[in-house]
Amino acid sequence: TEKYSIEKFPTILIFGEVDKLNIAG
C-alpha cells in the first residue's frame, strides 16, 4: 500500500511481464 500509494480497496496488483498488457482501469 505504501510502496504503490494505494488509496482504495479491494484492489489488484499485477507483477511480471506487465509491459505486454494494457488493461482499462
PDB file of all heavy atoms in Angstrom:
ATOM      1  N   THR A   1       0.828  -1.206   0.000  1.00  0.00           N
ATOM      2  CA  THR A   1       0.000   0.000   0.000  1.00  0.00           C
ATOM      3  C   THR A   1       0.860   1.252   0.000  1.00  0.00           C
ATOM      4  O   THR A   1       0.599   2.214  -0.749  1.00  0.00           O
ATOM      5  CB  THR A   1      -0.932   0.006   1.231  1.00  0.00           C
ATOM      6  OG1 THR A   1      -1.846  -1.088   1.133  1.00  0.00           O
ATOM      7  CG2 THR A   1      -1.722   1.300   1.298  1.00  0.00           C
ATOM      8  N   GLU A   2       1.885   1.250   0.825  1.00  0.00           N
ATOM      9  CA  GLU A   2       2.781   2.409   0.901  1.00  0.00           C
ATOM     10  C   GLU A   2       3.634   2.534  -0.349  1.00  0.00           C
ATOM     11  O   GLU A   2       3.816   3.622  -0.894  1.00  0.00           O
ATOM     12  CB  GLU A   2       3.667   2.297   2.146  1.00  0.00           C
ATOM     13  CG  GLU A   2       2.909   2.412   3.455  1.00  0.00           C
ATOM     14  CD  GLU A   2       2.129   3.709   3.582  1.00  0.00           C
ATOM     15  OE1 GLU A   2       2.665   4.769   3.191  1.00  0.00           O
ATOM     16  OE2 GLU A   2       0.973   3.667   4.037  1.00  0.00           O
ATOM     17  N   LYS A   3       4.161   1.418  -0.820  1.00  0.00           N
ATOM     18  CA  LYS A   3       5.070   1.444  -1.976  1.00  0.00           C
ATOM     19  C   LYS A   3       4.376   1.961  -3.228  1.00  0.00           C
ATOM     20  O   LYS A   3       4.945   2.743  -3.997  1.00  0.00           O
ATOM     21  CB  LYS A   3       5.626   0.050  -2.236  1.00  0.00           C
ATOM     22  CG  LYS A   3       6.584  -0.009  -3.432  1.00  0.00           C
ATOM     23  CD  LYS A   3       7.181  -1.400  -3.607  1.00  0.00           C
ATOM     24  CE  LYS A   3       8.145  -1.425  -4.787  1.00  0.00           C
ATOM     25  NZ  LYS A   3       8.753  -2.763  -4.986  1.00  0.00           N
ATOM     26  N   TYR A   4       3.120   1.542  -3.440  1.00  0.00           N
ATOM     27  CA  TYR A   4       2.414   1.896  -4.665  1.00  0.00           C
ATOM     28  C   TYR A   4       1.338   2.970  -4.460  1.00  0.00           C
ATOM     29  O   TYR A   4       0.535   3.219  -5.353  1.00  0.00           O
ATOM     30  CB  TYR A   4       1.800   0.639  -5.282  1.00  0.00           C
ATOM     31  CG  TYR A   4       2.844  -0.376  -5.693  1.00  0.00           C
ATOM     32  CD1 TYR A   4       3.086  -1.511  -4.904  1.00  0.00           C
ATOM     33  CD2 TYR A   4       3.612  -0.202  -6.837  1.00  0.00           C
ATOM     34  CE1 TYR A   4       4.054  -2.440  -5.260  1.00  0.00           C
ATOM     35  CE2 TYR A   4       4.582  -1.128  -7.200  1.00  0.00           C
ATOM     36  CZ  TYR A   4       4.799  -2.243  -6.406  1.00  0.00           C
ATOM     37  OH  TYR A   4       5.765  -3.164  -6.758  1.00  0.00           O
ATOM     38  N   SER A   5       1.342   3.593  -3.281  1.00  0.00           N
ATOM     39  CA  SER A   5       0.446   4.723  -2.972  1.00  0.00           C
ATOM     40  C   SER A   5      -1.024   4.378  -3.261  1.00  0.00           C
ATOM     41  O   SER A   5      -1.743   5.125  -3.927  1.00  0.00           O
ATOM     42  CB  SER A   5       0.857   5.963  -3.771  1.00  0.00           C
ATOM     43  OG  SER A   5       2.192   6.317  -3.510  1.00  0.00           O
ATOM     44  N   ILE A   6      -1.452   3.251  -2.734  1.00  0.00           N
ATOM     45  CA  ILE A   6      -2.817   2.780  -2.977  1.00  0.00           C
ATOM     46  C   ILE A   6      -3.764   3.414  -1.960  1.00  0.00           C
ATOM     47  O   ILE A   6      -3.472   3.447  -0.769  1.00  0.00           O
ATOM     48  CB  ILE A   6      -2.882   1.243  -2.891  1.00  0.00           C
ATOM     49  CG1 ILE A   6      -1.879   0.614  -3.870  1.00  0.00           C
ATOM     50  CG2 ILE A   6      -4.290   0.744  -3.198  1.00  0.00           C
ATOM     51  CD1 ILE A   6      -1.727  -0.875  -3.717  1.00  0.00           C
ATOM     52  N   GLU A   7      -4.908   3.891  -2.443  1.00  0.00           N
ATOM     53  CA  GLU A   7      -5.871   4.578  -1.588  1.00  0.00           C
ATOM     54  C   GLU A   7      -7.205   3.839  -1.460  1.00  0.00           C
ATOM     55  O   GLU A   7      -7.941   4.056  -0.498  1.00  0.00           O
ATOM     56  CB  GLU A   7      -6.146   5.987  -2.138  1.00  0.00           C
ATOM     57  CG  GLU A   7      -4.910   6.888  -2.219  1.00  0.00           C
ATOM     58  CD  GLU A   7      -4.411   7.327  -0.855  1.00  0.00           C
ATOM     59  OE1 GLU A   7      -5.205   7.272   0.108  1.00  0.00           O
ATOM     60  OE2 GLU A   7      -3.234   7.706  -0.752  1.00  0.00           O
ATOM     61  N   LYS A   8      -7.536   2.986  -2.450  1.00  0.00           N
ATOM     62  CA  LYS A   8      -8.842   2.336  -2.460  1.00  0.00           C
ATOM     63  C   LYS A   8      -8.698   0.821  -2.532  1.00  0.00           C
ATOM     64  O   LYS A   8      -7.820   0.303  -3.249  1.00  0.00           O
ATOM     65  CB  LYS A   8      -9.671   2.829  -3.655  1.00  0.00           C
ATOM     66  CG  LYS A   8      -9.931   4.330  -3.654  1.00  0.00           C
ATOM     67  CD  LYS A   8     -10.694   4.754  -4.904  1.00  0.00           C
ATOM     68  CE  LYS A   8     -10.944   6.245  -4.938  1.00  0.00           C
ATOM     69  NZ  LYS A   8     -11.684   6.658  -6.158  1.00  0.00           N
ATOM     70  N   PHE A   9      -9.587   0.145  -1.814  1.00  0.00           N
ATOM     71  CA  PHE A   9      -9.546  -1.318  -1.732  1.00  0.00           C
ATOM     72  C   PHE A   9     -10.971  -1.879  -1.801  1.00  0.00           C
ATOM     73  O   PHE A   9     -11.925  -1.164  -1.484  1.00  0.00           O
ATOM     74  CB  PHE A   9      -8.885  -1.742  -0.422  1.00  0.00           C
ATOM     75  CG  PHE A   9      -7.531  -1.142  -0.200  1.00  0.00           C
ATOM     76  CD1 PHE A   9      -7.411   0.093   0.426  1.00  0.00           C
ATOM     77  CD2 PHE A   9      -6.387  -1.788  -0.620  1.00  0.00           C
ATOM     78  CE1 PHE A   9      -6.171   0.659   0.626  1.00  0.00           C
ATOM     79  CE2 PHE A   9      -5.148  -1.219  -0.420  1.00  0.00           C
ATOM     80  CZ  PHE A   9      -5.037   0.009   0.203  1.00  0.00           C
ATOM     81  N   PRO A  10     -11.123  -3.155  -2.185  1.00  0.00           N
ATOM     82  CA  PRO A  10     -10.097  -4.099  -2.616  1.00  0.00           C
ATOM     83  C   PRO A  10      -9.478  -3.650  -3.941  1.00  0.00           C
ATOM     84  O   PRO A  10     -10.126  -2.962  -4.726  1.00  0.00           O
ATOM     85  CB  PRO A  10     -10.866  -5.411  -2.796  1.00  0.00           C
ATOM     86  CG  PRO A  10     -12.147  -5.233  -2.043  1.00  0.00           C
ATOM     87  CD  PRO A  10     -12.457  -3.775  -2.157  1.00  0.00           C
ATOM     88  N   THR A  11      -8.253  -4.069  -4.168  1.00  0.00           N
ATOM     89  CA  THR A  11      -7.576  -3.723  -5.404  1.00  0.00           C
ATOM     90  C   THR A  11      -6.761  -4.905  -5.901  1.00  0.00           C
ATOM     91  O   THR A  11      -6.590  -5.903  -5.196  1.00  0.00           O
ATOM     92  CB  THR A  11      -6.678  -2.495  -5.215  1.00  0.00           C
ATOM     93  OG1 THR A  11      -6.226  -2.043  -6.497  1.00  0.00           O
ATOM     94  CG2 THR A  11      -5.463  -2.822  -4.352  1.00  0.00           C
ATOM     95  N   ILE A  12      -6.267  -4.773  -7.115  1.00  0.00           N
ATOM     96  CA  ILE A  12      -5.479  -5.832  -7.744  1.00  0.00           C
ATOM     97  C   ILE A  12      -4.142  -5.251  -8.188  1.00  0.00           C
ATOM     98  O   ILE A  12      -4.080  -4.179  -8.778  1.00  0.00           O
ATOM     99  CB  ILE A  12      -6.204  -6.419  -8.967  1.00  0.00           C
ATOM    100  CG1 ILE A  12      -7.547  -7.032  -8.553  1.00  0.00           C
ATOM    101  CG2 ILE A  12      -5.345  -7.474  -9.665  1.00  0.00           C
ATOM    102  CD1 ILE A  12      -8.386  -7.511  -9.735  1.00  0.00           C
ATOM    103  N   LEU A  13      -3.067  -5.980  -7.903  1.00  0.00           N
ATOM    104  CA  LEU A  13      -1.739  -5.635  -8.388  1.00  0.00           C
ATOM    105  C   LEU A  13      -1.251  -6.762  -9.297  1.00  0.00           C
ATOM    106  O   LEU A  13      -1.393  -7.946  -8.966  1.00  0.00           O
ATOM    107  CB  LEU A  13      -0.741  -5.449  -7.250  1.00  0.00           C
ATOM    108  CG  LEU A  13      -0.936  -4.226  -6.345  1.00  0.00           C
ATOM    109  CD1 LEU A  13      -1.928  -4.546  -5.234  1.00  0.00           C
ATOM    110  CD2 LEU A  13       0.386  -3.785  -5.722  1.00  0.00           C
ATOM    111  N   ILE A  14      -0.685  -6.386 -10.437  1.00  0.00           N
ATOM    112  CA  ILE A  14      -0.161  -7.371 -11.387  1.00  0.00           C
ATOM    113  C   ILE A  14       1.343  -7.161 -11.525  1.00  0.00           C
ATOM    114  O   ILE A  14       1.811  -6.049 -11.781  1.00  0.00           O
ATOM    115  CB  ILE A  14      -0.829  -7.223 -12.767  1.00  0.00           C
ATOM    116  CG1 ILE A  14      -2.346  -7.349 -12.647  1.00  0.00           C
ATOM    117  CG2 ILE A  14      -0.292  -8.281 -13.736  1.00  0.00           C
ATOM    118  CD1 ILE A  14      -3.081  -7.118 -13.954  1.00  0.00           C
ATOM    119  N   PHE A  15       2.094  -8.243 -11.356  1.00  0.00           N
ATOM    120  CA  PHE A  15       3.546  -8.211 -11.497  1.00  0.00           C
ATOM    121  C   PHE A  15       3.966  -9.140 -12.634  1.00  0.00           C
ATOM    122  O   PHE A  15       3.217 -10.020 -13.039  1.00  0.00           O
ATOM    123  CB  PHE A  15       4.218  -8.656 -10.196  1.00  0.00           C
ATOM    124  CG  PHE A  15       3.849  -7.834  -8.994  1.00  0.00           C
ATOM    125  CD1 PHE A  15       2.830  -8.244  -8.142  1.00  0.00           C
ATOM    126  CD2 PHE A  15       4.514  -6.648  -8.718  1.00  0.00           C
ATOM    127  CE1 PHE A  15       2.479  -7.488  -7.029  1.00  0.00           C
ATOM    128  CE2 PHE A  15       4.162  -5.878  -7.606  1.00  0.00           C
ATOM    129  CZ  PHE A  15       3.142  -6.311  -6.769  1.00  0.00           C
ATOM    130  N   GLY A  16       5.190  -8.939 -13.122  1.00  0.00           N
ATOM    131  CA  GLY A  16       5.695  -9.807 -14.182  1.00  0.00           C
ATOM    132  C   GLY A  16       5.835  -9.057 -15.490  1.00  0.00           C
ATOM    133  O   GLY A  16       6.305  -7.911 -15.514  1.00  0.00           O
ATOM    134  N   GLU A  17       5.398  -9.675 -16.572  1.00  0.00           N
ATOM    135  CA  GLU A  17       5.545  -9.081 -17.905  1.00  0.00           C
ATOM    136  C   GLU A  17       4.392  -8.103 -18.169  1.00  0.00           C
ATOM    137  O   GLU A  17       3.588  -8.278 -19.085  1.00  0.00           O
ATOM    138  CB  GLU A  17       5.595 -10.185 -18.963  1.00  0.00           C
ATOM    139  CG  GLU A  17       6.813 -11.093 -18.826  1.00  0.00           C
ATOM    140  CD  GLU A  17       6.856 -12.194 -19.876  1.00  0.00           C
ATOM    141  OE1 GLU A  17       5.847 -12.894 -20.062  1.00  0.00           O
ATOM    142  OE2 GLU A  17       7.920 -12.345 -20.521  1.00  0.00           O
ATOM    143  N   VAL A  18       4.342  -7.087 -17.344  1.00  0.00           N
ATOM    144  CA  VAL A  18       3.216  -6.146 -17.398  1.00  0.00           C
ATOM    145  C   VAL A  18       3.254  -5.232 -18.620  1.00  0.00           C
ATOM    146  O   VAL A  18       2.226  -4.665 -19.002  1.00  0.00           O
ATOM    147  CB  VAL A  18       3.150  -5.298 -16.108  1.00  0.00           C
ATOM    148  CG1 VAL A  18       2.873  -6.182 -14.907  1.00  0.00           C
ATOM    149  CG2 VAL A  18       4.446  -4.514 -15.908  1.00  0.00           C
ATOM    150  N   ASP A  19       4.429  -5.093 -19.252  1.00  0.00           N
ATOM    151  CA  ASP A  19       4.517  -4.229 -20.426  1.00  0.00           C
ATOM    152  C   ASP A  19       3.768  -4.814 -21.620  1.00  0.00           C
ATOM    153  O   ASP A  19       3.524  -4.113 -22.610  1.00  0.00           O
ATOM    154  CB  ASP A  19       5.979  -3.987 -20.802  1.00  0.00           C
ATOM    155  CG  ASP A  19       6.694  -3.093 -19.799  1.00  0.00           C
ATOM    156  OD1 ASP A  19       6.001  -2.284 -19.147  1.00  0.00           O
ATOM    157  OD2 ASP A  19       7.921  -3.203 -19.647  1.00  0.00           O
ATOM    158  N   LYS A  20       3.421  -6.087 -21.540  1.00  0.00           N
ATOM    159  CA  LYS A  20       2.639  -6.713 -22.601  1.00  0.00           C
ATOM    160  C   LYS A  20       1.144  -6.437 -22.456  1.00  0.00           C
ATOM    161  O   LYS A  20       0.361  -6.771 -23.346  1.00  0.00           O
ATOM    162  CB  LYS A  20       2.858  -8.228 -22.601  1.00  0.00           C
ATOM    163  CG  LYS A  20       4.234  -8.686 -23.059  1.00  0.00           C
ATOM    164  CD  LYS A  20       4.286 -10.211 -23.111  1.00  0.00           C
ATOM    165  CE  LYS A  20       5.614 -10.708 -23.641  1.00  0.00           C
ATOM    166  NZ  LYS A  20       5.648 -12.195 -23.730  1.00  0.00           N
ATOM    167  N   LEU A  21       0.762  -5.850 -21.324  1.00  0.00           N
ATOM    168  CA  LEU A  21      -0.650  -5.693 -21.014  1.00  0.00           C
ATOM    169  C   LEU A  21      -1.083  -4.235 -21.067  1.00  0.00           C
ATOM    170  O   LEU A  21      -0.322  -3.339 -20.730  1.00  0.00           O
ATOM    171  CB  LEU A  21      -0.951  -6.251 -19.612  1.00  0.00           C
ATOM    172  CG  LEU A  21      -0.574  -7.714 -19.363  1.00  0.00           C
ATOM    173  CD1 LEU A  21      -0.841  -8.089 -17.912  1.00  0.00           C
ATOM    174  CD2 LEU A  21      -1.341  -8.633 -20.301  1.00  0.00           C
ATOM    175  N   ASN A  22      -2.310  -4.031 -21.483  1.00  0.00           N
ATOM    176  CA  ASN A  22      -2.938  -2.706 -21.466  1.00  0.00           C
ATOM    177  C   ASN A  22      -4.384  -2.910 -21.026  1.00  0.00           C
ATOM    178  O   ASN A  22      -5.243  -3.249 -21.836  1.00  0.00           O
ATOM    179  CB  ASN A  22      -2.864  -2.052 -22.846  1.00  0.00           C
ATOM    180  CG  ASN A  22      -3.445  -0.658 -22.857  1.00  0.00           C
ATOM    181  OD1 ASN A  22      -3.647  -0.046 -21.804  1.00  0.00           O
ATOM    182  ND2 ASN A  22      -3.752  -0.145 -24.036  1.00  0.00           N
ATOM    183  N   ILE A  23      -4.636  -2.722 -19.730  1.00  0.00           N
ATOM    184  CA  ILE A  23      -5.932  -3.049 -19.157  1.00  0.00           C
ATOM    185  C   ILE A  23      -6.589  -1.786 -18.620  1.00  0.00           C
ATOM    186  O   ILE A  23      -6.000  -1.058 -17.824  1.00  0.00           O
ATOM    187  CB  ILE A  23      -5.788  -4.088 -18.024  1.00  0.00           C
ATOM    188  CG1 ILE A  23      -4.955  -5.286 -18.487  1.00  0.00           C
ATOM    189  CG2 ILE A  23      -7.149  -4.555 -17.544  1.00  0.00           C
ATOM    190  CD1 ILE A  23      -4.653  -6.275 -17.392  1.00  0.00           C
ATOM    191  N   ALA A  24      -7.806  -1.534 -19.055  1.00  0.00           N
ATOM    192  CA  ALA A  24      -8.546  -0.352 -18.601  1.00  0.00           C
ATOM    193  C   ALA A  24      -8.708  -0.381 -17.086  1.00  0.00           C
ATOM    194  O   ALA A  24      -9.022  -1.421 -16.502  1.00  0.00           O
ATOM    195  CB  ALA A  24      -9.913  -0.300 -19.271  1.00  0.00           C
ATOM    196  N   GLY A  25      -8.484   0.784 -16.470  1.00  0.00           N
ATOM    197  CA  GLY A  25      -8.626   0.899 -15.023  1.00  0.00           C
ATOM    198  C   GLY A  25      -7.338   0.676 -14.261  1.00  0.00           C
ATOM    199  O   GLY A  25      -7.268   0.973 -13.070  1.00  0.00           O
TER     200      GLY A  25
END
